[in-house]
């Protein structure tokens, strides 16, 4: 069984070829006796700007592992490699029809899990296949032509298709490695298997999606695009099918609802069908753009270095006066700000970056927590209406043509002025962002920014631009489900992923989709397994 030595540090001027020598020196073994060395994790330690380190975990084999472990008993960074046992995919014992609604990560991986278990899977997507969707988004960004059915929110791959493609998550799940490997098998870079902060990039994600689609087709999954779930068929309290495009009925034994956090008409349909839901907290704010070299210099002490990735950051502060969290979210190094509107008359922004993350500007959301008591209503859709109200205000403030309202960071703080430098297309227009934000959000941001500047000296600068507004940090509601994964009000309905309120990013949504697929397999009556 291989051994693992963790946290092996290299200076920026040292090559990875030195790793065997460092392992041999630390453990007192000849380099020639180390076999099958493999980097399993790599990251950056930038806590000391005067000595930024690259840090590696390395697996290796030696002839007498037990003797080496005994000689180094108590070594805090040396251990045996634990065998990763994935949950067994066991086939169904009877036919089972499943409708999976939504082709974001939750829907894709739920379909993959179910099809491998032998279910008859039909996968529905209200938007278009990714090749067409890319052209629609490109037309919107260059000409301002908005398509409500094919945009940055809707279409194959979900909202994550036009994002940074981050694959980090705090969720502990035995399927984590399987998700990464499946993405690599579909064309994602192999580096995601070892990077401490893996990402795919929106450009590579498009290729991954095409190959993932073919993999599902090979498994027998029927895929239907431009097919919107418009109703549920219910008999004796159990979902027995879905109604699509306003009329066609598709029977099923189970329905996976992985609709994404922007499917507002779906939320309205669920409320009318009396599906159990509740409003939940989320966050609202802006995107901040800085020169990438500035963020690199703040984080690394180097504006550019060939052995360092474009720098990231994560900032948090709790406002002692309100108890609200203020934090950065979905940071996109060397990326772009994108208009991610999903309906006409509303303006919402998000961040996106490519695999190389080599753009001139870096951006991140800066958001403030909002609560159900802020929404101005008591029902499950109050948060959705709250989002829409402020998005419509931002749309007007930006001029009504999908240009985003923007303001120099110093001007937002009332401490000066500066230029607007933004990657956002179709464009930005200078505006007072406080007019597009709830008062609690404006106040929270203005209080937090000086604290952020103390954490990252130079963060508050005339070189930074704020672009509004960010409202889709997570779903504004949760579709209630039990421990068996089913809706607490409608048997046979399995809410999944970010839109259902159970995930926050590509990886956690994919894992939740797998989890729901497993619940369905186990729910099949008269013996789920052979």
Protein backbone atom coordinates (compact mmCIF):
# COMPACT_ATOMS: atom_id res chain seq x y z
CA UNK A 1 0.00 0.00 0.00
CA UNK A 2 1.47 3.43 -0.94
CA UNK A 3 2.57 5.99 1.63
CA UNK A 4 1.70 9.69 1.65
CA UNK A 5 3.94 12.55 2.74
CA UNK A 6 2.05 15.82 3.10
CA UNK A 7 3.00 19.49 2.97
CA UNK A 8 6.32 19.27 1.13
CA UNK A 9 7.28 22.88 0.42
CA UNK A 10 9.16 24.27 -2.57
CA UNK A 11 10.33 27.84 -3.04
CA UNK A 12 9.24 29.57 -6.21
CA UNK A 13 12.67 29.06 -7.79
CA UNK A 14 12.68 25.31 -7.07
CA UNK A 15 11.45 22.74 -9.60
CA UNK A 16 9.06 19.88 -8.85
CA UNK A 17 11.85 17.50 -9.86
CA UNK A 18 13.32 18.17 -6.41
CA UNK A 19 10.43 16.45 -4.62
CA UNK A 20 12.02 12.95 -4.53
CA UNK A 21 15.21 14.42 -3.04
CA UNK A 22 13.24 16.30 -0.36
CA UNK A 23 11.26 13.16 0.53
CA UNK A 24 14.42 11.05 0.72
CA UNK A 25 16.19 13.64 2.87
CA UNK A 26 13.29 14.01 5.29
CA UNK A 27 12.69 10.28 5.69
CA UNK A 28 16.30 9.16 5.50
CA UNK A 29 15.94 6.92 2.47
CA UNK A 30 17.79 6.77 -0.83
CA UNK A 31 15.99 8.47 -3.68
CA UNK A 32 16.45 5.35 -5.79
CA UNK A 33 14.30 3.34 -3.38
CA UNK A 34 11.26 5.60 -3.86
CA UNK A 35 8.94 4.17 -6.49
CA UNK A 36 5.79 5.33 -8.28
CA UNK A 37 5.89 8.90 -6.98
CA UNK A 38 2.67 10.75 -7.68
CA UNK A 39 1.59 14.25 -6.74
CA UNK A 40 -1.91 13.99 -5.30
CA UNK A 41 -2.41 17.55 -4.14
CA UNK A 42 -0.75 20.90 -4.71
CA UNK A 43 -1.46 24.36 -3.44
CA UNK A 44 0.01 27.75 -2.58
CA UNK A 45 1.09 29.00 0.85
CA UNK A 46 1.21 32.80 0.58
CA UNK A 47 0.96 33.65 4.27
CA UNK A 48 4.48 35.12 4.14
CA UNK A 49 4.79 37.41 1.14
CA UNK A 50 8.58 37.39 1.47
CA UNK A 51 8.57 33.59 0.98
CA UNK A 52 5.64 32.30 -1.03
CA UNK A 53 5.71 28.50 -1.19
CA UNK A 54 4.26 25.82 -3.41
CA UNK A 55 3.06 22.94 -1.23
CA UNK A 56 2.63 19.31 -2.33
CA UNK A 57 1.24 16.03 -1.02
CA UNK A 58 3.04 13.11 -2.66
CA UNK A 59 2.27 9.39 -2.73
CA UNK A 60 5.13 6.92 -3.13
CA UNK A 61 6.09 3.30 -2.53
CA UNK A 62 9.10 1.74 -0.77
CA UNK A 63 10.08 -1.89 -0.34
CA UNK A 64 9.52 -2.09 3.42
CA UNK A 65 6.73 0.33 4.24
CA UNK A 66 6.13 -0.99 7.74
CA UNK A 67 9.76 -0.49 8.72
CA UNK A 68 9.73 3.08 7.41
CA UNK A 69 6.51 3.85 9.29
CA UNK A 70 7.90 2.35 12.48
CA UNK A 71 11.10 4.36 12.16
CA UNK A 72 9.04 7.53 11.77
CA UNK A 73 6.26 6.70 14.23
CA UNK A 74 4.48 9.87 15.23
CA UNK A 75 5.55 11.77 12.11
CA UNK A 76 2.64 14.20 11.67
CA UNK A 77 2.79 14.32 7.89
CA UNK A 78 3.52 10.70 6.97
CA UNK A 79 0.75 8.14 6.68
CA UNK A 80 -0.49 5.13 4.80
CA UNK A 81 -2.72 5.89 1.85
CA UNK A 82 -6.30 5.05 2.68
CA UNK A 83 -8.12 3.04 0.04
CA UNK A 84 -11.04 5.01 -1.34
CA UNK A 85 -14.10 2.83 -1.66
CA UNK A 86 -16.85 4.31 -3.80
CA UNK A 87 -20.47 3.41 -3.16
CA UNK A 88 -21.41 0.43 -5.29
CA UNK A 89 -23.65 1.09 -8.28
CA UNK A 90 -26.11 -1.79 -8.06
CA UNK A 91 -28.71 -2.22 -10.83
CA UNK A 92 -32.45 -1.96 -10.35
CA UNK A 93 -34.49 -5.15 -10.27
CA UNK A 94 -37.42 -3.70 -12.22
CA UNK A 95 -38.08 -1.02 -14.85
CA UNK A 96 -38.27 2.51 -13.43
CA UNK A 97 -38.97 5.68 -15.40
CA UNK A 98 -37.35 8.88 -14.16
CA UNK A 99 -37.78 12.43 -15.45
CA UNK A 100 -34.79 14.60 -14.62
CA UNK A 101 -35.54 18.30 -15.01
CA UNK A 102 -32.53 20.53 -15.61
CA UNK A 103 -29.11 19.97 -17.19
CA UNK A 104 -27.00 21.72 -14.57
CA UNK A 105 -24.51 19.64 -12.54
CA UNK A 106 -27.21 18.20 -10.24
CA UNK A 107 -29.37 17.04 -13.13
CA UNK A 108 -26.46 15.72 -15.18
CA UNK A 109 -25.00 13.62 -12.38
CA UNK A 110 -28.42 12.43 -11.19
CA UNK A 111 -29.10 11.22 -14.75
CA UNK A 112 -25.66 9.55 -14.91
CA UNK A 113 -26.20 7.73 -11.60
CA UNK A 114 -29.72 6.62 -12.47
CA UNK A 115 -28.85 5.45 -15.99
CA UNK A 116 -25.93 3.41 -14.68
CA UNK A 117 -28.37 1.80 -12.27
CA UNK A 118 -30.62 0.76 -15.12
CA UNK A 119 -33.37 3.39 -14.84
CA UNK A 120 -35.12 4.66 -17.96
CA UNK A 121 -34.07 8.31 -17.82
CA UNK A 122 -35.46 11.26 -19.76
CA UNK A 123 -33.45 14.45 -19.22
CA UNK A 124 -35.24 17.75 -19.86
CA UNK A 125 -33.64 21.17 -20.41
CA UNK A 126 -35.63 24.36 -20.98
CA UNK A 127 -32.71 25.98 -22.82
CA UNK A 128 -30.62 24.92 -25.78
CA UNK A 129 -27.65 22.65 -26.29
CA UNK A 130 -24.37 24.27 -25.36
CA UNK A 131 -23.13 24.89 -28.92
CA UNK A 132 -26.20 27.00 -29.73
CA UNK A 133 -26.26 28.56 -26.28
CA UNK A 134 -22.70 29.85 -26.68
CA UNK A 135 -23.72 31.66 -29.86
CA UNK A 136 -26.79 33.16 -28.15
CA UNK A 137 -24.68 34.43 -25.24
CA UNK A 138 -22.06 35.80 -27.60
CA UNK A 139 -24.76 37.71 -29.50
CA UNK A 140 -26.14 39.10 -26.24
CA UNK A 141 -22.73 40.25 -25.01
CA UNK A 142 -21.81 41.90 -28.33
CA UNK A 143 -25.18 43.26 -29.48
CA UNK A 144 -27.40 43.26 -26.37
CA UNK A 145 -29.90 40.83 -27.99
CA UNK A 146 -31.47 38.97 -25.05
CA UNK A 147 -33.04 35.51 -25.41
CA UNK A 148 -35.12 34.56 -22.34
CA UNK A 149 -34.74 30.84 -23.11
CA UNK A 150 -31.03 30.71 -23.95
CA UNK A 151 -28.71 32.85 -21.86
CA UNK A 152 -26.16 32.72 -19.06
CA UNK A 153 -28.77 31.26 -16.69
CA UNK A 154 -30.61 28.79 -18.95
CA UNK A 155 -29.27 26.07 -21.21
CA UNK A 156 -27.18 22.91 -21.19
CA UNK A 157 -24.78 22.93 -18.23
CA UNK A 158 -26.82 25.39 -16.18
CA UNK A 159 -25.53 28.71 -14.89
CA UNK A 160 -22.14 27.16 -14.11
CA UNK A 161 -21.34 26.90 -17.82
CA UNK A 162 -20.60 30.64 -17.85
CA UNK A 163 -18.68 30.87 -14.59
CA UNK A 164 -15.20 30.22 -13.30
CA UNK A 165 -15.86 26.50 -13.19
CA UNK A 166 -14.74 26.16 -9.57
CA UNK A 167 -14.85 22.64 -8.16
CA UNK A 168 -14.17 23.38 -4.51
CA UNK A 169 -16.67 22.34 -1.87
CA UNK A 170 -16.88 21.86 1.88
CA UNK A 171 -19.14 18.85 1.42
CA UNK A 172 -17.51 15.57 2.53
CA UNK A 173 -18.70 12.86 0.19
CA UNK A 174 -17.20 9.56 -1.03
CA UNK A 175 -18.30 10.44 -4.58
CA UNK A 176 -16.09 13.55 -4.69
CA UNK A 177 -13.23 11.84 -6.51
CA UNK A 178 -15.65 10.15 -8.91
CA UNK A 179 -17.10 13.50 -9.96
CA UNK A 180 -13.62 14.89 -10.67
CA UNK A 181 -12.55 11.78 -12.58
CA UNK A 182 -15.75 11.79 -14.64
CA UNK A 183 -15.12 15.41 -15.61
CA UNK A 184 -11.53 14.57 -16.57
CA UNK A 185 -12.78 11.63 -18.66
CA UNK A 186 -15.03 14.15 -20.44
CA UNK A 187 -12.19 16.56 -21.22
CA UNK A 188 -11.51 18.59 -18.07
CA UNK A 189 -7.80 19.17 -17.32
CA UNK A 190 -6.18 16.42 -15.23
CA UNK A 191 -4.89 19.13 -12.88
CA UNK A 192 -8.29 19.22 -11.17
CA UNK A 193 -7.45 15.86 -9.62
CA UNK A 194 -4.56 17.37 -7.63
CA UNK A 195 -5.08 21.14 -7.36
CA UNK A 196 -6.12 22.34 -3.92
CA UNK A 197 -8.48 24.79 -5.60
CA UNK A 198 -9.48 23.09 -8.86
CA UNK A 199 -11.29 24.91 -11.63
CA UNK A 200 -12.18 24.10 -15.22
CA UNK A 201 -12.87 27.49 -16.80
CA UNK A 202 -15.88 28.34 -18.91
CA UNK A 203 -14.06 27.62 -22.18
CA UNK A 204 -13.13 24.06 -21.23
CA UNK A 205 -16.51 23.39 -19.59
CA UNK A 206 -18.19 23.65 -22.97
CA UNK A 207 -16.13 20.75 -24.32
CA UNK A 208 -16.78 18.76 -21.13
CA UNK A 209 -20.53 19.21 -21.55
CA UNK A 210 -20.56 17.93 -25.11
CA UNK A 211 -18.69 14.80 -24.10
CA UNK A 212 -20.82 14.36 -20.97
CA UNK A 213 -23.90 14.52 -23.18
CA UNK A 214 -22.56 11.77 -25.42
CA UNK A 215 -21.73 9.66 -22.38
CA UNK A 216 -25.35 9.97 -21.19
CA UNK A 217 -26.69 9.11 -24.65
CA UNK A 218 -24.46 6.02 -24.69
CA UNK A 219 -26.01 5.05 -21.35
CA UNK A 220 -29.47 5.26 -22.93
CA UNK A 221 -30.56 8.65 -21.56
CA UNK A 222 -33.10 10.47 -23.75
CA UNK A 223 -32.31 14.20 -23.83
CA UNK A 224 -34.85 16.85 -24.78
CA UNK A 225 -33.88 20.51 -25.18
CA UNK A 226 -36.21 23.52 -25.26
CA UNK A 227 -38.57 21.53 -23.03
CA UNK A 228 -39.82 23.42 -20.00
CA UNK A 229 -41.56 21.78 -17.05
CA UNK A 230 -44.89 23.63 -16.76
CA UNK A 231 -46.85 21.36 -14.43
CA UNK A 232 -46.96 18.20 -12.34
CA UNK A 233 -49.23 15.20 -12.72
CA UNK A 234 -50.26 14.04 -9.25
CA UNK A 235 -52.32 11.02 -8.21
CA UNK A 236 -53.14 10.20 -4.57
CA UNK A 237 -50.47 12.63 -3.39
CA UNK A 238 -47.73 11.16 -5.59
CA UNK A 239 -46.12 12.71 -8.66
CA UNK A 240 -46.80 10.45 -11.62
CA UNK A 241 -45.54 12.65 -14.42
CA UNK A 242 -44.62 16.06 -15.68
CA UNK A 243 -46.38 18.47 -18.02
CA UNK A 244 -44.01 20.18 -20.44
CA UNK A 245 -44.35 23.22 -22.69
CA UNK A 246 -47.85 23.85 -21.44
CA UNK A 247 -49.53 20.65 -22.57
CA UNK A 248 -47.54 17.47 -23.29
CA UNK A 249 -47.66 14.89 -20.49
CA UNK A 250 -44.65 12.70 -19.72
CA UNK A 251 -45.39 9.86 -17.29
CA UNK A 252 -42.76 8.82 -14.76
CA UNK A 253 -42.23 6.86 -11.56
CA UNK A 254 -39.93 9.50 -10.05
CA UNK A 255 -39.19 13.12 -10.97
CA UNK A 256 -35.88 14.81 -10.15
CA UNK A 257 -36.31 18.58 -9.96
CA UNK A 258 -32.88 20.15 -10.59
CA UNK A 259 -34.16 23.37 -12.12
CA UNK A 260 -31.49 25.86 -10.99
CA UNK A 261 -31.90 29.00 -8.90
CA UNK A 262 -33.23 31.21 -11.71
CA UNK A 263 -36.25 29.14 -12.84
CA UNK A 264 -38.79 31.55 -11.39
CA UNK A 265 -41.72 30.32 -13.44
CA UNK A 266 -41.00 26.82 -12.11
CA UNK A 267 -41.08 28.16 -8.55
CA UNK A 268 -44.46 29.80 -9.28
CA UNK A 269 -45.79 26.52 -10.71
CA UNK A 270 -44.64 24.61 -7.62
CA UNK A 271 -46.33 27.12 -5.31
CA UNK A 272 -49.59 26.77 -7.25
CA UNK A 273 -49.27 22.97 -6.97
CA UNK A 274 -48.86 23.37 -3.18
CA UNK A 275 -45.41 21.81 -3.10
CA UNK A 276 -43.87 22.49 0.32
CA UNK A 277 -41.33 25.32 0.11
CA UNK A 278 -40.00 28.06 2.35
CA UNK A 279 -38.13 31.31 1.83
CA UNK A 280 -34.51 31.21 2.94
CA UNK A 281 -31.66 33.71 3.42
CA UNK A 282 -29.24 34.55 0.63
CA UNK A 283 -27.01 37.54 -0.13
CA UNK A 284 -27.08 40.61 -2.35
CA UNK A 285 -24.33 42.96 -3.47
CA UNK A 286 -22.07 43.92 -6.35
CA UNK A 287 -19.11 42.70 -8.36
CA UNK A 288 -15.78 44.43 -7.69
CA UNK A 289 -13.11 44.50 -10.41
CA UNK A 290 -9.42 45.17 -9.71
CA UNK A 291 -6.37 44.91 -11.96
CA UNK A 292 -5.22 41.29 -11.70
CA UNK A 293 -1.64 42.45 -11.16
CA UNK A 294 -2.73 44.49 -8.16
CA UNK A 295 -4.42 41.50 -6.51
CA UNK A 296 -1.36 39.38 -7.31
CA UNK A 297 0.90 41.96 -5.67
CA UNK A 298 -1.31 42.15 -2.58
CA UNK A 299 -1.54 38.37 -2.18
CA UNK A 300 1.90 37.24 -3.39
CA UNK A 301 4.16 40.26 -3.42
CA UNK A 302 4.53 39.65 -7.19
CA UNK A 303 2.45 41.18 -9.97
CA UNK A 304 3.23 38.18 -12.18
CA UNK A 305 5.22 35.00 -11.60
CA UNK A 306 5.43 32.03 -13.99
CA UNK A 307 5.00 29.51 -11.16
CA UNK A 308 2.07 31.22 -9.47
CA UNK A 309 -1.57 31.15 -10.60
CA UNK A 310 -3.51 34.39 -10.81
CA UNK A 311 -4.24 35.25 -7.19
CA UNK A 312 -7.51 34.61 -5.40
CA UNK A 313 -8.88 36.01 -2.18
CA UNK A 314 -11.65 35.34 0.32
CA UNK A 315 -12.84 38.10 2.64
CA UNK A 316 -15.40 37.97 5.43
CA UNK A 317 -16.61 40.41 8.07
CA UNK A 318 -19.54 40.32 10.44
CA UNK A 319 -21.21 43.68 11.04
CA UNK A 320 -21.50 43.98 14.84
CA UNK A 321 -24.31 46.52 14.54
CA UNK A 322 -26.62 44.36 12.40
CA UNK A 323 -25.24 40.85 12.80
CA UNK A 324 -25.12 40.52 9.01
CA UNK A 325 -22.29 38.77 7.28
CA UNK A 326 -20.47 40.66 4.52
CA UNK A 327 -18.19 38.58 2.34
CA UNK A 328 -16.58 38.00 -1.02
CA UNK A 329 -18.11 35.27 -3.15
CA UNK A 330 -17.27 33.39 -6.34
CA UNK A 331 -13.94 35.13 -6.95
CA UNK A 332 -12.83 35.00 -10.61
CA UNK A 333 -9.08 35.61 -11.04
CA UNK A 334 -8.21 37.11 -14.40
CA UNK A 335 -11.86 36.89 -15.37
CA UNK A 336 -14.81 38.92 -16.59
CA UNK A 337 -18.05 40.28 -15.20
CA UNK A 338 -21.06 39.02 -17.13
CA UNK A 339 -24.70 40.13 -17.26
CA UNK A 340 -26.56 37.00 -16.13
CA UNK A 341 -30.16 38.17 -16.52
CA UNK A 342 -32.78 35.46 -16.98
CA UNK A 343 -35.81 37.61 -17.76
CA UNK A 344 -36.42 40.86 -19.65
CA UNK A 345 -36.40 44.06 -17.65
CA UNK A 346 -34.01 42.80 -14.99
CA UNK A 347 -30.26 43.23 -14.56
CA UNK A 348 -28.09 40.82 -12.57
CA UNK A 349 -24.34 40.22 -12.84
CA UNK A 350 -22.04 37.29 -12.18
CA UNK A 351 -18.39 36.40 -12.69
CA UNK A 352 -16.75 34.22 -15.36
CA UNK A 353 -13.19 33.23 -16.22
CA UNK A 354 -11.40 31.00 -18.68
CA UNK A 355 -9.12 28.08 -17.91
CA UNK A 356 -5.94 30.16 -18.14
CA UNK A 357 -7.34 32.98 -15.98
CA UNK A 358 -5.10 35.39 -17.85
CA UNK A 359 -7.38 38.43 -18.17
CA UNK A 360 -6.21 41.89 -17.11
CA UNK A 361 -8.86 42.23 -14.39
CA UNK A 362 -9.95 40.02 -11.51
CA UNK A 363 -13.42 40.19 -10.02
CA UNK A 364 -15.43 38.94 -7.09
CA UNK A 365 -18.87 39.40 -5.65
CA UNK A 366 -19.03 41.51 -2.49
CA UNK A 367 -22.32 40.67 -0.83
CA UNK A 368 -24.33 41.24 2.33
CA UNK A 369 -26.63 38.67 3.90
CA UNK A 370 -30.36 39.31 3.51
CA UNK A 371 -33.05 37.55 5.52
CA UNK A 372 -36.70 36.60 5.03
CA UNK A 373 -37.77 39.52 7.21
CA UNK A 374 -36.18 41.84 4.60
CA UNK A 375 -38.29 40.48 1.74
CA UNK A 376 -41.58 42.26 2.40
CA UNK A 377 -43.70 39.11 2.33
CA UNK A 378 -44.38 35.90 4.20
CA UNK A 379 -44.77 33.30 1.44
CA UNK A 380 -42.09 31.09 -0.11
CA UNK A 381 -41.65 33.37 -3.15
CA UNK A 382 -41.03 36.56 -1.16
CA UNK A 383 -37.26 36.30 -1.67
CA UNK A 384 -37.73 35.79 -5.40
CA UNK A 385 -39.86 38.91 -5.65
CA UNK A 386 -37.26 40.79 -3.58
CA UNK A 387 -34.57 39.77 -6.10
CA UNK A 388 -36.74 40.78 -9.04
CA UNK A 389 -37.59 44.19 -7.58
CA UNK A 390 -33.93 45.16 -7.17
CA UNK A 391 -32.90 43.66 -10.51
CA UNK A 392 -35.54 45.76 -12.25
CA UNK A 393 -34.24 48.84 -10.45
CA UNK A 394 -30.68 48.04 -11.60
CA UNK A 395 -31.93 47.55 -15.17
CA UNK A 396 -33.46 51.05 -15.18
CA UNK A 397 -30.37 52.56 -13.56
CA UNK A 398 -28.18 51.02 -16.25
CA UNK A 399 -30.23 52.62 -19.01
CA UNK A 400 -32.67 49.83 -19.86
CA UNK A 401 -30.53 48.08 -22.48
CA UNK A 402 -28.69 45.52 -20.31
CA UNK A 403 -25.74 47.79 -19.65
CA UNK A 404 -24.85 47.39 -15.98
CA UNK A 405 -24.81 50.28 -13.51
CA UNK A 406 -21.27 50.81 -12.23
CA UNK A 407 -19.38 53.12 -9.89
CA UNK A 408 -15.78 53.69 -8.95
CA UNK A 409 -15.12 52.13 -5.54
CA UNK A 410 -13.86 55.37 -4.00
CA UNK A 411 -16.89 57.23 -5.30
CA UNK A 412 -19.16 54.59 -3.72
CA UNK A 413 -17.46 55.28 -0.40
CA UNK A 414 -17.65 59.04 -0.87
CA UNK A 415 -13.87 59.30 -0.70
CA UNK A 416 -12.94 60.47 -4.16
CA UNK A 417 -13.42 59.43 -7.75
CA UNK A 418 -11.75 57.50 -10.49
CA UNK A 419 -12.33 55.85 -13.88
CA UNK A 420 -14.65 52.96 -14.63
CA UNK A 421 -12.59 49.99 -15.79
CA UNK A 422 -14.78 46.96 -16.45
CA UNK A 423 -14.89 43.82 -18.56
CA UNK A 424 -18.68 43.74 -18.44
CA UNK A 425 -20.52 43.57 -21.76
CA UNK A 426 -22.66 44.83 -23.44
CA UNK A 427 -21.23 47.64 -21.27
CA UNK A 428 -21.50 49.67 -18.06
CA UNK A 429 -22.96 53.06 -17.25
CA UNK A 430 -21.88 55.22 -14.36
CA UNK A 431 -24.53 55.37 -11.64
CA UNK A 432 -25.05 55.74 -7.91
CA UNK A 433 -25.13 52.09 -6.92
CA UNK A 434 -26.86 52.85 -3.65
CA UNK A 435 -29.98 53.42 -5.78
CA UNK A 436 -29.84 49.81 -7.02
CA UNK A 437 -29.24 48.19 -3.63
CA UNK A 438 -31.31 47.72 -0.48
CA UNK A 439 -30.20 50.17 2.21
CA UNK A 440 -28.94 47.35 4.46
CA UNK A 441 -26.68 46.16 1.63
CA UNK A 442 -25.28 49.60 0.86
CA UNK A 443 -24.60 50.21 4.55
CA UNK A 444 -23.04 46.78 5.02
CA UNK A 445 -20.68 47.20 2.07
CA UNK A 446 -19.59 50.67 3.14
CA UNK A 447 -18.84 49.43 6.65
CA UNK A 448 -17.03 46.31 5.48
CA UNK A 449 -14.75 47.78 2.81
CA UNK A 450 -12.35 49.51 5.27
CA UNK A 451 -12.00 46.19 7.12
CA UNK A 452 -11.28 44.41 3.84
CA UNK A 453 -8.63 47.01 3.06
CA UNK A 454 -6.90 46.29 6.36
CA UNK A 455 -6.85 42.60 5.44
CA UNK A 456 -5.60 43.33 1.91
CA UNK A 457 -3.76 46.64 1.82
CA UNK A 458 -4.60 48.38 -1.44
CA UNK A 459 -8.00 46.71 -1.90
CA UNK A 460 -9.75 50.09 -1.54
CA UNK A 461 -8.35 52.00 -4.50
CA UNK A 462 -9.33 54.30 -7.34
CA UNK A 463 -8.37 51.42 -9.66
CA UNK A 464 -11.37 49.36 -8.51
CA UNK A 465 -14.83 49.43 -10.10
CA UNK A 466 -18.09 48.18 -8.61
CA UNK A 467 -20.65 46.68 -11.01
CA UNK A 468 -24.22 45.98 -9.97
CA UNK A 469 -26.04 44.04 -8.99
CA UNK A 470 -25.44 40.48 -7.75
CA UNK A 471 -28.59 38.80 -6.41
CA UNK A 472 -28.30 35.13 -7.43
CA UNK A 473 -25.75 34.02 -4.83
CA UNK A 474 -28.05 31.11 -4.00
CA UNK A 475 -31.69 30.11 -4.34
CA UNK A 476 -34.16 32.42 -2.58
CA UNK A 477 -36.11 29.42 -1.28
CA UNK A 478 -35.80 25.79 -0.29
CA UNK A 479 -38.04 23.01 -1.63
CA UNK A 480 -38.52 20.94 1.49
CA UNK A 481 -37.48 17.30 1.34
CA UNK A 482 -37.17 14.50 3.87
CA UNK A 483 -34.24 12.28 4.75
CA UNK A 484 -35.27 10.01 1.86
CA UNK A 485 -34.69 12.85 -0.60
CA UNK A 486 -38.39 13.20 -1.49
CA UNK A 487 -40.56 16.27 -1.21
CA UNK A 488 -42.31 16.28 2.16
CA UNK A 489 -45.59 17.12 0.41
CA UNK A 490 -45.35 15.17 -2.87
CA UNK A 491 -44.04 11.61 -2.92
CA UNK A 492 -42.05 10.79 -6.03
CA UNK A 493 -40.74 14.37 -6.36
CA UNK A 494 -37.02 14.66 -5.59
CA UNK A 495 -35.74 18.27 -5.31
CA UNK A 496 -32.01 18.49 -6.09
CA UNK A 497 -29.15 20.92 -6.37
CA UNK A 498 -28.75 24.64 -6.04
CA UNK A 499 -32.19 25.63 -7.30
CA UNK A 500 -33.84 23.43 -4.68
CA UNK A 501 -31.77 25.06 -1.93
CA UNK A 502 -29.39 22.16 -1.25
CA UNK A 503 -26.12 23.13 -2.92
CA UNK A 504 -23.85 26.09 -3.56
CA UNK A 505 -21.66 25.54 -6.59
CA UNK A 506 -20.81 23.01 -9.29
CA UNK A 507 -19.29 20.34 -7.07
CA UNK A 508 -21.85 20.40 -4.26
CA UNK A 509 -24.67 20.38 -6.83
CA UNK A 510 -23.14 17.39 -8.64
CA UNK A 511 -22.79 15.53 -5.35
CA UNK A 512 -26.38 16.32 -4.42
CA UNK A 513 -27.53 14.99 -7.79
CA UNK A 514 -25.68 11.74 -7.13
CA UNK A 515 -27.19 11.60 -3.67
CA UNK A 516 -30.71 12.01 -5.08
CA UNK A 517 -30.03 9.34 -7.70
CA UNK A 518 -29.08 6.97 -4.90
CA UNK A 519 -32.25 7.85 -2.96
CA UNK A 520 -34.37 7.01 -6.01
CA UNK A 521 -32.63 3.68 -6.52
CA UNK A 522 -33.31 2.84 -2.88
CA UNK A 523 -36.93 3.99 -3.12
CA UNK A 524 -37.91 1.51 -5.83
CA UNK A 525 -40.36 -0.95 -4.23
CA UNK A 526 -40.23 -4.75 -4.03
CA UNK A 527 -36.49 -4.96 -3.63
CA UNK A 528 -34.38 -2.09 -4.85
CA UNK A 529 -31.34 -4.33 -5.33
CA UNK A 530 -30.67 -7.80 -6.60
